[in-house]
């Protein structure tokens, strides 16, 4: 079973494709999509088209059965960020659905708690937890990669729990 974890963003979207079981997961591929930047910043619509193209190419390459996506987090001081993130999540969910993949969604605090034991873990704590879980020589960077891998691990855990067997 292959699971593709996605940490959505409109500047950087992290991804991590994993397989195996929750005790010994293996990284198939991990990285980021660095969406168009510049001055002025390209319109959101342009970045969404780029995200869609990059994601579909990745899905074709790594062939996951499940896409695990981080849910929205809205901070009262920055409500516009949640709206922009929703655009990116919409592109991700649409592409996954159109490509016939199972979709799982996880709240940010759920991902942090699963990876570190704390729903309020810092970016560094997440990186350290993922480094330990996968036996990586260095911290996964940028932090979006660690987050995407953690989201994938949440997907793997849920898939195992739903099937009642180790995948």
N, C-alpha and C. Protein backbone atom coordinates (compact mmCIF):
# COMPACT_ATOMS: atom_id res chain seq x y z
N UNK A 1 0.84 -1.17 0.00
CA UNK A 1 0.00 0.00 0.00
C UNK A 1 0.88 1.23 0.00
N UNK A 2 0.64 2.12 -0.93
CA UNK A 2 1.36 3.39 -0.99
C UNK A 2 0.42 4.53 -0.62
N UNK A 3 0.94 5.39 0.21
CA UNK A 3 0.18 6.55 0.66
C UNK A 3 0.99 7.80 0.38
N UNK A 4 0.33 8.79 -0.20
CA UNK A 4 0.97 10.06 -0.50
C UNK A 4 0.43 11.10 0.47
N UNK A 5 1.31 11.59 1.36
CA UNK A 5 0.96 12.63 2.29
C UNK A 5 1.23 13.99 1.66
N UNK A 6 0.28 14.91 1.83
CA UNK A 6 0.41 16.24 1.24
C UNK A 6 0.22 17.30 2.32
N UNK A 7 1.18 18.23 2.40
CA UNK A 7 1.09 19.40 3.27
C UNK A 7 0.85 20.60 2.36
N UNK A 8 -0.43 20.99 2.17
CA UNK A 8 -0.75 22.00 1.16
C UNK A 8 -0.22 23.39 1.48
N UNK A 9 0.15 24.09 0.43
CA UNK A 9 0.57 25.47 0.54
C UNK A 9 0.52 26.11 -0.84
N UNK A 10 0.45 27.42 -0.89
CA UNK A 10 0.41 28.10 -2.18
C UNK A 10 1.78 28.67 -2.57
N UNK A 11 2.75 28.55 -1.70
CA UNK A 11 4.14 28.86 -2.07
C UNK A 11 4.96 27.58 -2.08
N UNK A 12 4.82 26.80 -1.00
CA UNK A 12 5.50 25.52 -0.91
C UNK A 12 4.48 24.47 -0.48
N UNK A 13 4.39 23.40 -1.24
CA UNK A 13 3.56 22.25 -0.88
C UNK A 13 4.50 21.08 -0.66
N UNK A 14 4.45 20.53 0.54
CA UNK A 14 5.29 19.37 0.85
C UNK A 14 4.58 18.09 0.46
N UNK A 15 5.36 17.09 0.07
CA UNK A 15 4.78 15.78 -0.22
C UNK A 15 5.71 14.69 0.26
N UNK A 16 5.12 13.57 0.63
CA UNK A 16 5.89 12.41 1.06
C UNK A 16 5.12 11.15 0.74
N UNK A 17 5.66 10.33 -0.12
CA UNK A 17 5.04 9.06 -0.48
C UNK A 17 5.72 7.97 0.33
N UNK A 18 4.92 7.18 1.06
CA UNK A 18 5.47 6.12 1.90
C UNK A 18 4.77 4.81 1.62
N UNK A 19 5.40 3.73 2.04
CA UNK A 19 4.78 2.42 1.96
C UNK A 19 5.30 1.57 3.11
N UNK A 20 4.66 0.44 3.33
CA UNK A 20 5.06 -0.44 4.42
C UNK A 20 4.02 -0.45 5.51
N UNK A 21 4.49 -0.57 6.76
CA UNK A 21 3.57 -0.52 7.90
C UNK A 21 4.05 0.54 8.87
N UNK A 22 3.24 0.80 9.90
CA UNK A 22 3.56 1.91 10.79
C UNK A 22 4.80 1.65 11.63
N UNK A 23 5.19 0.39 11.77
CA UNK A 23 6.41 0.08 12.53
C UNK A 23 7.65 0.32 11.68
N UNK A 24 7.56 -0.03 10.39
CA UNK A 24 8.70 0.11 9.49
C UNK A 24 8.31 0.78 8.18
N UNK A 25 7.85 2.01 8.25
CA UNK A 25 7.48 2.67 6.99
C UNK A 25 8.73 2.99 6.18
N UNK A 26 8.55 3.04 4.88
CA UNK A 26 9.66 3.34 3.98
C UNK A 26 9.28 4.52 3.10
N UNK A 27 10.22 5.43 2.91
CA UNK A 27 9.98 6.57 2.04
C UNK A 27 10.21 6.15 0.59
N UNK A 28 9.21 6.37 -0.24
CA UNK A 28 9.33 6.12 -1.68
C UNK A 28 9.91 7.36 -2.35
N UNK A 29 9.34 8.52 -2.01
CA UNK A 29 9.80 9.80 -2.54
C UNK A 29 9.24 10.90 -1.66
N UNK A 30 10.03 11.93 -1.44
CA UNK A 30 9.57 13.07 -0.65
C UNK A 30 10.23 14.34 -1.19
N UNK A 31 9.51 15.45 -1.05
CA UNK A 31 10.06 16.71 -1.53
C UNK A 31 9.03 17.81 -1.42
N UNK A 32 9.23 18.83 -2.22
CA UNK A 32 8.31 19.97 -2.22
C UNK A 32 8.01 20.40 -3.64
N UNK A 33 6.87 21.03 -3.79
CA UNK A 33 6.57 21.80 -5.00
C UNK A 33 6.78 23.24 -4.58
N UNK A 34 7.68 23.92 -5.21
CA UNK A 34 7.90 25.35 -4.95
C UNK A 34 7.16 26.09 -6.06
N UNK A 35 6.00 26.63 -5.69
CA UNK A 35 5.14 27.26 -6.68
C UNK A 35 5.66 28.64 -7.04
N UNK A 36 5.25 29.12 -8.19
CA UNK A 36 5.73 30.38 -8.76
C UNK A 36 5.78 31.50 -7.72
N UNK A 37 6.90 32.19 -7.73
CA UNK A 37 7.07 33.34 -6.85
C UNK A 37 7.54 34.50 -7.71
N UNK A 38 7.73 35.60 -7.09
CA UNK A 38 8.23 36.76 -7.82
C UNK A 38 7.60 38.02 -7.30
N UNK A 39 7.93 39.10 -7.93
CA UNK A 39 7.37 40.38 -7.54
C UNK A 39 6.81 41.04 -8.80
N UNK A 40 5.55 41.23 -8.89
CA UNK A 40 4.56 40.86 -7.89
C UNK A 40 4.33 39.34 -7.86
N UNK A 41 3.78 38.87 -6.74
CA UNK A 41 3.48 37.44 -6.60
C UNK A 41 2.46 37.07 -7.66
N UNK A 42 2.68 35.95 -8.35
CA UNK A 42 1.72 35.52 -9.38
C UNK A 42 0.32 35.33 -8.79
N UNK A 43 -0.70 35.51 -9.60
CA UNK A 43 -2.07 35.32 -9.12
C UNK A 43 -2.29 33.90 -8.57
N UNK A 44 -3.20 33.80 -7.62
CA UNK A 44 -3.51 32.50 -7.01
C UNK A 44 -3.90 31.50 -8.10
N UNK A 45 -4.67 31.91 -9.08
CA UNK A 45 -5.12 30.99 -10.13
C UNK A 45 -3.92 30.37 -10.86
N UNK A 46 -2.90 31.15 -11.13
CA UNK A 46 -1.70 30.62 -11.80
C UNK A 46 -1.01 29.58 -10.93
N UNK A 47 -0.92 29.86 -9.63
CA UNK A 47 -0.27 28.91 -8.72
C UNK A 47 -1.09 27.63 -8.57
N UNK A 48 -2.41 27.74 -8.64
CA UNK A 48 -3.27 26.55 -8.56
C UNK A 48 -3.10 25.66 -9.78
N UNK A 49 -2.97 26.26 -10.94
CA UNK A 49 -2.73 25.48 -12.17
C UNK A 49 -1.39 24.75 -12.05
N UNK A 50 -0.39 25.44 -11.55
CA UNK A 50 0.93 24.83 -11.38
C UNK A 50 0.87 23.68 -10.36
N UNK A 51 0.17 23.88 -9.25
CA UNK A 51 0.01 22.84 -8.23
C UNK A 51 -0.67 21.62 -8.82
N UNK A 52 -1.73 21.83 -9.57
CA UNK A 52 -2.46 20.73 -10.19
C UNK A 52 -1.54 19.93 -11.13
N UNK A 53 -0.80 20.61 -11.97
CA UNK A 53 0.10 19.93 -12.91
C UNK A 53 1.17 19.13 -12.16
N UNK A 54 1.81 19.76 -11.18
CA UNK A 54 2.87 19.08 -10.42
C UNK A 54 2.33 17.86 -9.67
N UNK A 55 1.16 18.02 -9.04
CA UNK A 55 0.58 16.93 -8.27
C UNK A 55 0.21 15.76 -9.16
N UNK A 56 -0.43 16.03 -10.29
CA UNK A 56 -0.81 14.94 -11.19
C UNK A 56 0.41 14.19 -11.73
N UNK A 57 1.49 14.92 -12.02
CA UNK A 57 2.73 14.27 -12.46
C UNK A 57 3.29 13.38 -11.35
N UNK A 58 3.25 13.86 -10.12
CA UNK A 58 3.74 13.07 -8.98
C UNK A 58 2.90 11.82 -8.79
N UNK A 59 1.59 11.96 -8.84
CA UNK A 59 0.71 10.80 -8.68
C UNK A 59 0.99 9.75 -9.75
N UNK A 60 1.17 10.18 -10.98
CA UNK A 60 1.49 9.24 -12.07
C UNK A 60 2.82 8.54 -11.80
N UNK A 61 3.77 9.25 -11.24
CA UNK A 61 5.10 8.70 -11.01
C UNK A 61 5.13 7.71 -9.83
N UNK A 62 4.49 8.05 -8.71
CA UNK A 62 4.63 7.22 -7.51
C UNK A 62 3.48 6.24 -7.30
N UNK A 63 2.37 6.44 -8.02
CA UNK A 63 1.24 5.51 -8.02
C UNK A 63 0.70 5.16 -6.63
N UNK A 64 0.28 6.17 -5.84
CA UNK A 64 -0.30 5.86 -4.53
C UNK A 64 -1.73 5.34 -4.67
N UNK A 65 -2.18 4.62 -3.65
CA UNK A 65 -3.59 4.21 -3.60
C UNK A 65 -4.40 5.21 -2.76
N UNK A 66 -3.72 5.88 -1.84
CA UNK A 66 -4.37 6.80 -0.91
C UNK A 66 -3.62 8.12 -0.91
N UNK A 67 -4.40 9.21 -0.84
CA UNK A 67 -3.81 10.53 -0.63
C UNK A 67 -4.30 11.01 0.74
N UNK A 68 -3.33 11.34 1.59
CA UNK A 68 -3.63 11.89 2.92
C UNK A 68 -3.28 13.37 2.89
N UNK A 69 -4.24 14.21 3.28
CA UNK A 69 -4.09 15.65 3.16
C UNK A 69 -4.34 16.30 4.51
N UNK A 70 -3.51 17.29 4.82
CA UNK A 70 -3.74 18.04 6.05
C UNK A 70 -4.96 18.94 5.88
N UNK A 71 -5.77 18.99 6.93
CA UNK A 71 -6.95 19.84 6.93
C UNK A 71 -6.59 21.30 7.15
N UNK A 72 -7.61 22.12 7.11
CA UNK A 72 -7.40 23.56 7.29
C UNK A 72 -7.14 23.90 8.74
N UNK A 73 -6.28 24.88 8.92
CA UNK A 73 -6.05 25.47 10.23
C UNK A 73 -6.27 26.96 10.06
N UNK A 74 -7.18 27.51 10.84
CA UNK A 74 -7.47 28.94 10.73
C UNK A 74 -7.04 29.63 12.02
N UNK A 75 -6.15 30.59 11.88
CA UNK A 75 -5.72 31.40 13.02
C UNK A 75 -6.53 32.68 12.98
N UNK A 76 -7.08 33.06 14.12
CA UNK A 76 -7.95 34.23 14.17
C UNK A 76 -7.28 35.50 13.65
N UNK A 77 -5.96 35.59 13.79
CA UNK A 77 -5.25 36.80 13.35
C UNK A 77 -4.98 36.80 11.85
N UNK A 78 -5.11 35.64 11.19
CA UNK A 78 -4.79 35.53 9.76
C UNK A 78 -5.85 34.72 9.02
N UNK A 79 -7.11 35.16 9.01
CA UNK A 79 -8.16 34.37 8.36
C UNK A 79 -7.96 34.23 6.86
N UNK A 80 -7.30 35.18 6.22
CA UNK A 80 -7.09 35.10 4.78
C UNK A 80 -6.22 33.91 4.39
N UNK A 81 -5.30 33.54 5.28
CA UNK A 81 -4.43 32.39 5.02
C UNK A 81 -5.25 31.12 4.85
N UNK A 82 -6.25 30.92 5.70
CA UNK A 82 -7.10 29.73 5.61
C UNK A 82 -7.86 29.70 4.29
N UNK A 83 -8.31 30.84 3.84
CA UNK A 83 -9.04 30.90 2.58
C UNK A 83 -8.11 30.51 1.43
N UNK A 84 -6.90 31.06 1.41
CA UNK A 84 -5.95 30.72 0.35
C UNK A 84 -5.58 29.24 0.40
N UNK A 85 -5.39 28.72 1.61
CA UNK A 85 -5.06 27.30 1.75
C UNK A 85 -6.21 26.42 1.24
N UNK A 86 -7.44 26.88 1.46
CA UNK A 86 -8.59 26.11 0.99
C UNK A 86 -8.56 25.96 -0.53
N UNK A 87 -8.08 26.98 -1.23
CA UNK A 87 -7.97 26.88 -2.69
C UNK A 87 -7.02 25.73 -3.06
N UNK A 88 -5.86 25.69 -2.43
CA UNK A 88 -4.88 24.64 -2.71
C UNK A 88 -5.41 23.26 -2.35
N UNK A 89 -6.06 23.16 -1.21
CA UNK A 89 -6.65 21.87 -0.81
C UNK A 89 -7.71 21.44 -1.82
N UNK A 90 -8.48 22.39 -2.33
CA UNK A 90 -9.50 22.05 -3.32
C UNK A 90 -8.89 21.44 -4.57
N UNK A 91 -7.79 22.00 -5.03
CA UNK A 91 -7.09 21.45 -6.21
C UNK A 91 -6.60 20.04 -5.91
N UNK A 92 -6.03 19.85 -4.74
CA UNK A 92 -5.49 18.53 -4.35
C UNK A 92 -6.61 17.51 -4.27
N UNK A 93 -7.70 17.86 -3.60
CA UNK A 93 -8.81 16.93 -3.45
C UNK A 93 -9.46 16.61 -4.79
N UNK A 94 -9.61 17.60 -5.65
CA UNK A 94 -10.19 17.37 -6.97
C UNK A 94 -9.32 16.44 -7.80
N UNK A 95 -8.02 16.69 -7.83
CA UNK A 95 -7.12 15.83 -8.61
C UNK A 95 -7.16 14.39 -8.10
N UNK A 96 -7.12 14.22 -6.77
CA UNK A 96 -7.15 12.87 -6.19
C UNK A 96 -8.45 12.16 -6.54
N UNK A 97 -9.55 12.87 -6.43
CA UNK A 97 -10.86 12.27 -6.74
C UNK A 97 -10.95 11.90 -8.22
N UNK A 98 -10.52 12.80 -9.09
CA UNK A 98 -10.58 12.52 -10.52
C UNK A 98 -9.66 11.37 -10.93
N UNK A 99 -8.60 11.16 -10.16
CA UNK A 99 -7.66 10.08 -10.48
C UNK A 99 -8.02 8.78 -9.76
N UNK A 100 -9.17 8.77 -9.07
CA UNK A 100 -9.70 7.55 -8.47
C UNK A 100 -9.01 7.11 -7.19
N UNK A 101 -8.40 8.04 -6.47
CA UNK A 101 -7.68 7.69 -5.25
C UNK A 101 -8.56 7.86 -4.02
N UNK A 102 -8.29 7.05 -3.01
CA UNK A 102 -8.94 7.22 -1.71
C UNK A 102 -8.34 8.45 -1.06
N UNK A 103 -9.18 9.26 -0.44
CA UNK A 103 -8.74 10.50 0.20
C UNK A 103 -8.96 10.40 1.70
N UNK A 104 -7.93 10.77 2.46
CA UNK A 104 -8.02 10.86 3.91
C UNK A 104 -7.61 12.27 4.31
N UNK A 105 -8.31 12.83 5.28
CA UNK A 105 -7.98 14.18 5.75
C UNK A 105 -7.69 14.14 7.24
N UNK A 106 -6.69 14.92 7.65
CA UNK A 106 -6.26 14.94 9.05
C UNK A 106 -6.08 16.37 9.53
N UNK A 107 -6.55 16.64 10.73
CA UNK A 107 -6.35 17.95 11.33
C UNK A 107 -4.88 18.12 11.71
N UNK A 108 -4.36 19.34 11.61
CA UNK A 108 -2.95 19.57 11.94
C UNK A 108 -2.56 19.07 13.33
N UNK A 109 -3.41 19.31 14.33
CA UNK A 109 -3.08 18.87 15.69
C UNK A 109 -3.04 17.34 15.79
N UNK A 110 -3.88 16.67 15.02
CA UNK A 110 -3.90 15.20 15.00
C UNK A 110 -2.58 14.66 14.43
N UNK A 111 -2.09 15.31 13.38
CA UNK A 111 -0.83 14.89 12.76
C UNK A 111 0.33 15.10 13.74
N UNK A 112 0.36 16.26 14.39
CA UNK A 112 1.42 16.57 15.34
C UNK A 112 1.41 15.59 16.51
N UNK A 113 0.22 15.31 17.03
CA UNK A 113 0.12 14.40 18.16
C UNK A 113 0.56 12.99 17.77
N UNK A 114 0.18 12.54 16.59
CA UNK A 114 0.57 11.21 16.14
C UNK A 114 2.08 11.09 15.97
N UNK A 115 2.71 12.16 15.51
CA UNK A 115 4.15 12.12 15.26
C UNK A 115 4.98 12.31 16.52
N UNK A 116 4.52 13.20 17.41
CA UNK A 116 5.37 13.59 18.54
C UNK A 116 4.76 13.32 19.91
N UNK A 117 3.46 13.05 19.96
CA UNK A 117 2.79 12.89 21.24
C UNK A 117 2.16 14.18 21.73
N UNK A 118 2.40 15.28 21.01
CA UNK A 118 1.84 16.57 21.39
C UNK A 118 1.18 17.23 20.19
N UNK A 119 -0.06 17.66 20.35
CA UNK A 119 -0.77 18.35 19.29
C UNK A 119 -0.28 19.77 19.06
N UNK A 120 0.68 20.21 19.88
CA UNK A 120 1.25 21.56 19.75
C UNK A 120 2.74 21.52 19.43
N UNK A 121 3.17 20.45 18.79
CA UNK A 121 4.60 20.29 18.48
C UNK A 121 5.09 21.40 17.56
N UNK A 122 6.36 21.75 17.74
CA UNK A 122 6.99 22.75 16.88
C UNK A 122 7.43 22.10 15.57
N UNK A 123 7.82 22.93 14.63
CA UNK A 123 8.33 22.41 13.35
C UNK A 123 9.56 21.53 13.59
N UNK A 124 10.46 21.97 14.46
CA UNK A 124 11.69 21.20 14.74
C UNK A 124 11.34 19.87 15.39
N UNK A 125 10.40 19.86 16.31
CA UNK A 125 9.99 18.61 16.94
C UNK A 125 9.42 17.64 15.91
N UNK A 126 8.66 18.16 14.97
CA UNK A 126 8.12 17.32 13.90
C UNK A 126 9.25 16.75 13.05
N UNK A 127 10.19 17.59 12.69
CA UNK A 127 11.33 17.13 11.89
C UNK A 127 12.11 16.04 12.63
N UNK A 128 12.35 16.25 13.91
CA UNK A 128 13.10 15.26 14.70
C UNK A 128 12.34 13.94 14.81
N UNK A 129 11.03 14.01 15.00
CA UNK A 129 10.24 12.79 15.10
C UNK A 129 10.26 12.00 13.79
N UNK A 130 10.14 12.70 12.68
CA UNK A 130 10.17 12.02 11.38
C UNK A 130 11.57 11.48 11.08
N UNK A 131 12.59 12.22 11.45
CA UNK A 131 13.96 11.74 11.28
C UNK A 131 14.14 10.42 12.03
N UNK A 132 13.66 10.35 13.27
CA UNK A 132 13.79 9.13 14.07
C UNK A 132 12.96 7.99 13.50
N UNK A 133 11.72 8.26 13.11
CA UNK A 133 10.84 7.22 12.60
C UNK A 133 11.41 6.54 11.36
N UNK A 134 11.95 7.35 10.45
CA UNK A 134 12.44 6.80 9.19
C UNK A 134 13.95 6.51 9.22
N UNK A 135 14.61 6.78 10.35
CA UNK A 135 16.05 6.52 10.46
C UNK A 135 16.87 7.36 9.51
N UNK A 136 16.48 8.63 9.35
CA UNK A 136 17.19 9.52 8.43
C UNK A 136 18.46 10.07 9.07
N UNK A 137 19.49 10.24 8.28
CA UNK A 137 20.76 10.77 8.77
C UNK A 137 20.66 12.24 9.17
N UNK A 138 19.80 12.98 8.49
CA UNK A 138 19.64 14.41 8.78
C UNK A 138 18.15 14.74 8.91
N UNK A 139 17.89 15.92 9.44
CA UNK A 139 16.50 16.38 9.54
C UNK A 139 15.92 16.56 8.14
N UNK A 140 14.68 16.12 7.93
CA UNK A 140 14.06 16.38 6.64
C UNK A 140 13.78 17.88 6.51
N UNK A 141 14.24 18.46 5.42
CA UNK A 141 14.05 19.89 5.20
C UNK A 141 13.55 20.12 3.78
N UNK A 142 12.78 21.18 3.58
CA UNK A 142 12.24 22.05 4.60
C UNK A 142 11.22 21.31 5.47
N UNK A 143 10.72 21.99 6.50
CA UNK A 143 9.78 21.38 7.44
C UNK A 143 8.53 20.84 6.76
N UNK A 144 8.18 21.39 5.60
CA UNK A 144 7.00 20.93 4.86
C UNK A 144 7.13 19.46 4.46
N UNK A 145 8.36 18.99 4.23
CA UNK A 145 8.59 17.59 3.89
C UNK A 145 8.28 16.72 5.10
N UNK A 146 8.79 17.11 6.26
CA UNK A 146 8.51 16.35 7.49
C UNK A 146 7.02 16.29 7.77
N UNK A 147 6.34 17.43 7.59
CA UNK A 147 4.90 17.47 7.81
C UNK A 147 4.17 16.52 6.85
N UNK A 148 4.56 16.52 5.59
CA UNK A 148 3.92 15.65 4.60
C UNK A 148 4.16 14.18 4.93
N UNK A 149 5.36 13.84 5.36
CA UNK A 149 5.64 12.46 5.75
C UNK A 149 4.81 12.06 6.97
N UNK A 150 4.67 12.97 7.93
CA UNK A 150 3.85 12.70 9.11
C UNK A 150 2.38 12.50 8.71
N UNK A 151 1.90 13.29 7.77
CA UNK A 151 0.54 13.14 7.27
C UNK A 151 0.38 11.77 6.61
N UNK A 152 1.39 11.35 5.85
CA UNK A 152 1.36 10.03 5.24
C UNK A 152 1.32 8.92 6.28
N UNK A 153 2.08 9.07 7.35
CA UNK A 153 2.08 8.08 8.43
C UNK A 153 0.70 8.00 9.08
N UNK A 154 0.05 9.14 9.27
CA UNK A 154 -1.32 9.14 9.79
C UNK A 154 -2.24 8.34 8.86
N UNK A 155 -2.07 8.54 7.56
CA UNK A 155 -2.85 7.78 6.59
C UNK A 155 -2.59 6.30 6.68
N UNK A 156 -1.33 5.93 6.85
CA UNK A 156 -0.97 4.52 6.97
C UNK A 156 -1.60 3.92 8.22
N UNK A 157 -1.56 4.65 9.33
CA UNK A 157 -2.17 4.17 10.57
C UNK A 157 -3.67 3.98 10.41
N UNK A 158 -4.33 4.95 9.79
CA UNK A 158 -5.78 4.82 9.60
C UNK A 158 -6.11 3.66 8.67
N UNK A 159 -5.34 3.50 7.61
CA UNK A 159 -5.58 2.39 6.67
C UNK A 159 -5.42 1.06 7.38
N UNK A 160 -4.39 0.94 8.22
CA UNK A 160 -4.18 -0.30 8.96
C UNK A 160 -5.33 -0.54 9.94
N UNK A 161 -5.75 0.51 10.64
CA UNK A 161 -6.84 0.36 11.61
C UNK A 161 -8.14 -0.03 10.91
N UNK A 162 -8.41 0.54 9.76
CA UNK A 162 -9.65 0.25 9.03
C UNK A 162 -9.65 -1.16 8.48
N UNK A 163 -8.47 -1.64 8.08
CA UNK A 163 -8.40 -2.99 7.49
C UNK A 163 -8.28 -4.06 8.57
N UNK A 164 -7.82 -3.66 9.76
CA UNK A 164 -7.66 -4.63 10.84
C UNK A 164 -6.42 -5.47 10.71
N UNK A 165 -5.60 -5.17 9.70
CA UNK A 165 -4.36 -5.91 9.51
C UNK A 165 -3.24 -4.94 9.25
N UNK A 166 -2.03 -5.42 9.38
CA UNK A 166 -0.87 -4.60 9.05
C UNK A 166 -0.69 -4.61 7.54
N UNK A 167 -0.53 -3.42 6.98
CA UNK A 167 -0.39 -3.30 5.52
C UNK A 167 1.06 -3.43 5.13
